[in-house]
N, C-alpha and C. Protein backbone atom coordinates (compact mmCIF):
# COMPACT_ATOMS: atom_id res chain seq x y z
N MET A 1 -32.76 19.78 15.93
CA MET A 1 -32.06 18.58 15.54
C MET A 1 -33.09 17.58 15.01
N CYS A 2 -32.70 16.79 14.05
CA CYS A 2 -33.65 15.88 13.42
C CYS A 2 -33.43 14.44 13.90
N ALA A 3 -34.36 13.58 13.56
CA ALA A 3 -34.42 12.22 14.08
C ALA A 3 -33.16 11.41 13.76
N GLU A 4 -32.66 11.50 12.54
CA GLU A 4 -31.51 10.69 12.14
C GLU A 4 -30.27 11.05 12.96
N LYS A 5 -30.06 12.33 13.18
CA LYS A 5 -28.90 12.76 13.96
C LYS A 5 -29.05 12.36 15.43
N ILE A 6 -30.24 12.52 15.98
CA ILE A 6 -30.48 12.13 17.37
C ILE A 6 -30.28 10.63 17.54
N GLN A 7 -30.74 9.85 16.56
CA GLN A 7 -30.60 8.39 16.63
C GLN A 7 -29.13 7.98 16.63
N ARG A 8 -28.31 8.63 15.82
CA ARG A 8 -26.88 8.32 15.79
C ARG A 8 -26.22 8.67 17.11
N ILE A 9 -26.59 9.81 17.68
CA ILE A 9 -26.03 10.21 18.97
C ILE A 9 -26.45 9.23 20.06
N LEU A 10 -27.73 8.82 20.07
CA LEU A 10 -28.20 7.86 21.06
C LEU A 10 -27.51 6.52 20.91
N MET A 11 -27.25 6.09 19.67
CA MET A 11 -26.54 4.83 19.45
C MET A 11 -25.12 4.92 20.00
N ALA A 12 -24.46 6.04 19.79
CA ALA A 12 -23.11 6.23 20.33
C ALA A 12 -23.13 6.23 21.86
N ILE A 13 -24.15 6.85 22.45
CA ILE A 13 -24.27 6.87 23.92
C ILE A 13 -24.49 5.46 24.45
N MET A 14 -25.35 4.69 23.80
CA MET A 14 -25.62 3.32 24.23
C MET A 14 -24.37 2.45 24.13
N LEU A 15 -23.62 2.59 23.04
CA LEU A 15 -22.39 1.82 22.90
C LEU A 15 -21.35 2.25 23.92
N SER A 16 -21.29 3.53 24.23
CA SER A 16 -20.37 4.02 25.26
C SER A 16 -20.76 3.48 26.63
N LEU A 17 -22.05 3.45 26.92
CA LEU A 17 -22.53 2.90 28.18
C LEU A 17 -22.19 1.42 28.28
N SER A 18 -22.35 0.71 27.18
CA SER A 18 -22.00 -0.71 27.16
C SER A 18 -20.51 -0.90 27.43
N MET A 19 -19.68 -0.07 26.83
CA MET A 19 -18.24 -0.15 27.05
C MET A 19 -17.91 0.14 28.51
N TYR A 20 -18.59 1.14 29.09
CA TYR A 20 -18.39 1.46 30.51
C TYR A 20 -18.76 0.28 31.39
N LEU A 21 -19.89 -0.36 31.09
CA LEU A 21 -20.32 -1.50 31.90
C LEU A 21 -19.30 -2.63 31.85
N PHE A 22 -18.69 -2.85 30.69
CA PHE A 22 -17.64 -3.87 30.58
C PHE A 22 -16.45 -3.51 31.47
N THR A 23 -16.01 -2.26 31.41
CA THR A 23 -14.82 -1.87 32.16
C THR A 23 -15.09 -1.76 33.65
N ALA A 24 -16.34 -1.54 34.04
CA ALA A 24 -16.69 -1.43 35.46
C ALA A 24 -16.96 -2.79 36.10
N GLY A 25 -16.80 -3.85 35.33
CA GLY A 25 -16.98 -5.19 35.88
C GLY A 25 -18.40 -5.71 35.80
N MET A 26 -19.30 -4.96 35.21
CA MET A 26 -20.69 -5.40 35.07
C MET A 26 -20.87 -5.99 33.67
N VAL A 27 -20.11 -7.06 33.42
CA VAL A 27 -20.03 -7.66 32.09
C VAL A 27 -21.39 -8.15 31.62
N GLN A 28 -22.17 -8.75 32.52
CA GLN A 28 -23.47 -9.29 32.13
C GLN A 28 -24.38 -8.20 31.57
N TYR A 29 -24.40 -7.04 32.21
CA TYR A 29 -25.24 -5.94 31.72
C TYR A 29 -24.69 -5.37 30.41
N GLY A 30 -23.37 -5.32 30.29
CA GLY A 30 -22.76 -4.87 29.04
C GLY A 30 -23.11 -5.77 27.88
N VAL A 31 -23.08 -7.08 28.13
CA VAL A 31 -23.44 -8.06 27.09
C VAL A 31 -24.92 -7.92 26.71
N MET A 32 -25.77 -7.76 27.70
CA MET A 32 -27.21 -7.61 27.40
C MET A 32 -27.47 -6.36 26.58
N LEU A 33 -26.82 -5.25 26.93
CA LEU A 33 -27.02 -4.01 26.19
C LEU A 33 -26.49 -4.14 24.77
N GLN A 34 -25.31 -4.71 24.60
CA GLN A 34 -24.77 -4.88 23.25
C GLN A 34 -25.61 -5.84 22.42
N THR A 35 -26.13 -6.90 23.05
CA THR A 35 -27.00 -7.83 22.34
C THR A 35 -28.26 -7.12 21.84
N PHE A 36 -28.83 -6.26 22.68
CA PHE A 36 -30.01 -5.49 22.27
C PHE A 36 -29.68 -4.58 21.08
N ILE A 37 -28.54 -3.90 21.16
CA ILE A 37 -28.14 -2.99 20.08
C ILE A 37 -27.93 -3.78 18.78
N ILE A 38 -27.24 -4.90 18.87
CA ILE A 38 -26.99 -5.74 17.69
C ILE A 38 -28.30 -6.24 17.11
N PHE A 39 -29.23 -6.66 17.97
CA PHE A 39 -30.52 -7.15 17.51
C PHE A 39 -31.28 -6.06 16.74
N VAL A 40 -31.30 -4.84 17.26
CA VAL A 40 -32.00 -3.74 16.59
C VAL A 40 -31.33 -3.41 15.25
N ILE A 41 -29.99 -3.42 15.21
CA ILE A 41 -29.29 -3.12 13.96
C ILE A 41 -29.53 -4.20 12.92
N ILE A 42 -29.60 -5.47 13.34
CA ILE A 42 -29.90 -6.55 12.40
C ILE A 42 -31.31 -6.40 11.84
N ILE A 43 -32.27 -6.06 12.69
CA ILE A 43 -33.64 -5.81 12.21
C ILE A 43 -33.63 -4.68 11.20
N TRP A 44 -32.88 -3.61 11.51
CA TRP A 44 -32.78 -2.46 10.61
C TRP A 44 -32.17 -2.86 9.28
N ALA A 45 -31.14 -3.70 9.30
CA ALA A 45 -30.47 -4.12 8.07
C ALA A 45 -31.36 -5.02 7.21
N ILE A 46 -32.08 -5.92 7.84
CA ILE A 46 -32.89 -6.88 7.09
C ILE A 46 -34.18 -6.24 6.55
N THR A 47 -34.86 -5.47 7.40
CA THR A 47 -36.18 -4.96 7.03
C THR A 47 -36.19 -3.49 6.64
N ASP A 48 -35.07 -2.81 6.82
CA ASP A 48 -34.98 -1.36 6.60
C ASP A 48 -35.96 -0.61 7.50
N PHE A 49 -36.20 -1.17 8.69
CA PHE A 49 -37.06 -0.54 9.69
C PHE A 49 -36.30 -0.49 11.00
N CYS A 50 -36.06 0.71 11.53
CA CYS A 50 -35.39 0.88 12.80
C CYS A 50 -36.42 1.42 13.80
N PRO A 51 -36.74 0.63 14.82
CA PRO A 51 -37.77 1.07 15.78
C PRO A 51 -37.46 2.42 16.43
N SER A 52 -36.22 2.63 16.82
CA SER A 52 -35.89 3.90 17.49
C SER A 52 -36.00 5.07 16.52
N LEU A 53 -35.60 4.86 15.29
CA LEU A 53 -35.70 5.92 14.29
C LEU A 53 -37.16 6.23 13.98
N TRP A 54 -38.00 5.21 13.95
CA TRP A 54 -39.42 5.40 13.69
C TRP A 54 -40.05 6.26 14.78
N VAL A 55 -39.73 5.95 16.05
CA VAL A 55 -40.29 6.71 17.17
C VAL A 55 -39.77 8.15 17.13
N LEU A 56 -38.47 8.32 16.89
CA LEU A 56 -37.90 9.67 16.86
C LEU A 56 -38.48 10.50 15.72
N GLN A 57 -38.74 9.88 14.58
CA GLN A 57 -39.33 10.62 13.46
C GLN A 57 -40.73 11.10 13.81
N LYS A 58 -41.46 10.32 14.60
CA LYS A 58 -42.79 10.75 15.04
C LYS A 58 -42.69 11.92 16.02
N LEU A 59 -41.64 11.93 16.84
CA LEU A 59 -41.50 12.96 17.87
C LEU A 59 -40.90 14.26 17.34
N VAL A 60 -39.81 14.17 16.55
CA VAL A 60 -39.10 15.39 16.15
C VAL A 60 -39.06 15.63 14.64
N GLY A 61 -39.43 14.67 13.84
CA GLY A 61 -39.44 14.86 12.40
C GLY A 61 -38.17 14.39 11.72
N LYS A 62 -38.26 14.26 10.40
CA LYS A 62 -37.14 13.77 9.59
C LYS A 62 -36.18 14.92 9.28
N CYS A 63 -34.97 14.55 8.88
CA CYS A 63 -34.00 15.54 8.42
C CYS A 63 -34.36 15.99 7.01
N ASP A 64 -34.03 17.23 6.69
CA ASP A 64 -34.22 17.70 5.33
C ASP A 64 -33.18 17.07 4.43
N LYS A 65 -33.59 16.67 3.23
CA LYS A 65 -32.65 16.08 2.28
C LYS A 65 -31.78 17.14 1.68
N LYS A 66 -30.47 16.85 1.60
CA LYS A 66 -29.54 17.77 0.94
C LYS A 66 -29.34 17.31 -0.49
N ASP A 67 -29.49 18.22 -1.42
CA ASP A 67 -29.31 17.87 -2.85
C ASP A 67 -27.98 18.32 -3.34
């Protein structure tokens, strides 16, 4: 599996965990987790640099481009 796919799966897991925290009554932790996710996505949108994707690319490599 390549970095981009792993990053998408991890983002979905983090958002699911945040949703669980909201429903379990741990709203403060859910808000903190979602704030962190939003902050990273805003950095990614503005600078085209995603810290988690950068680390994953170093560990497992990039996906092959499909033409």
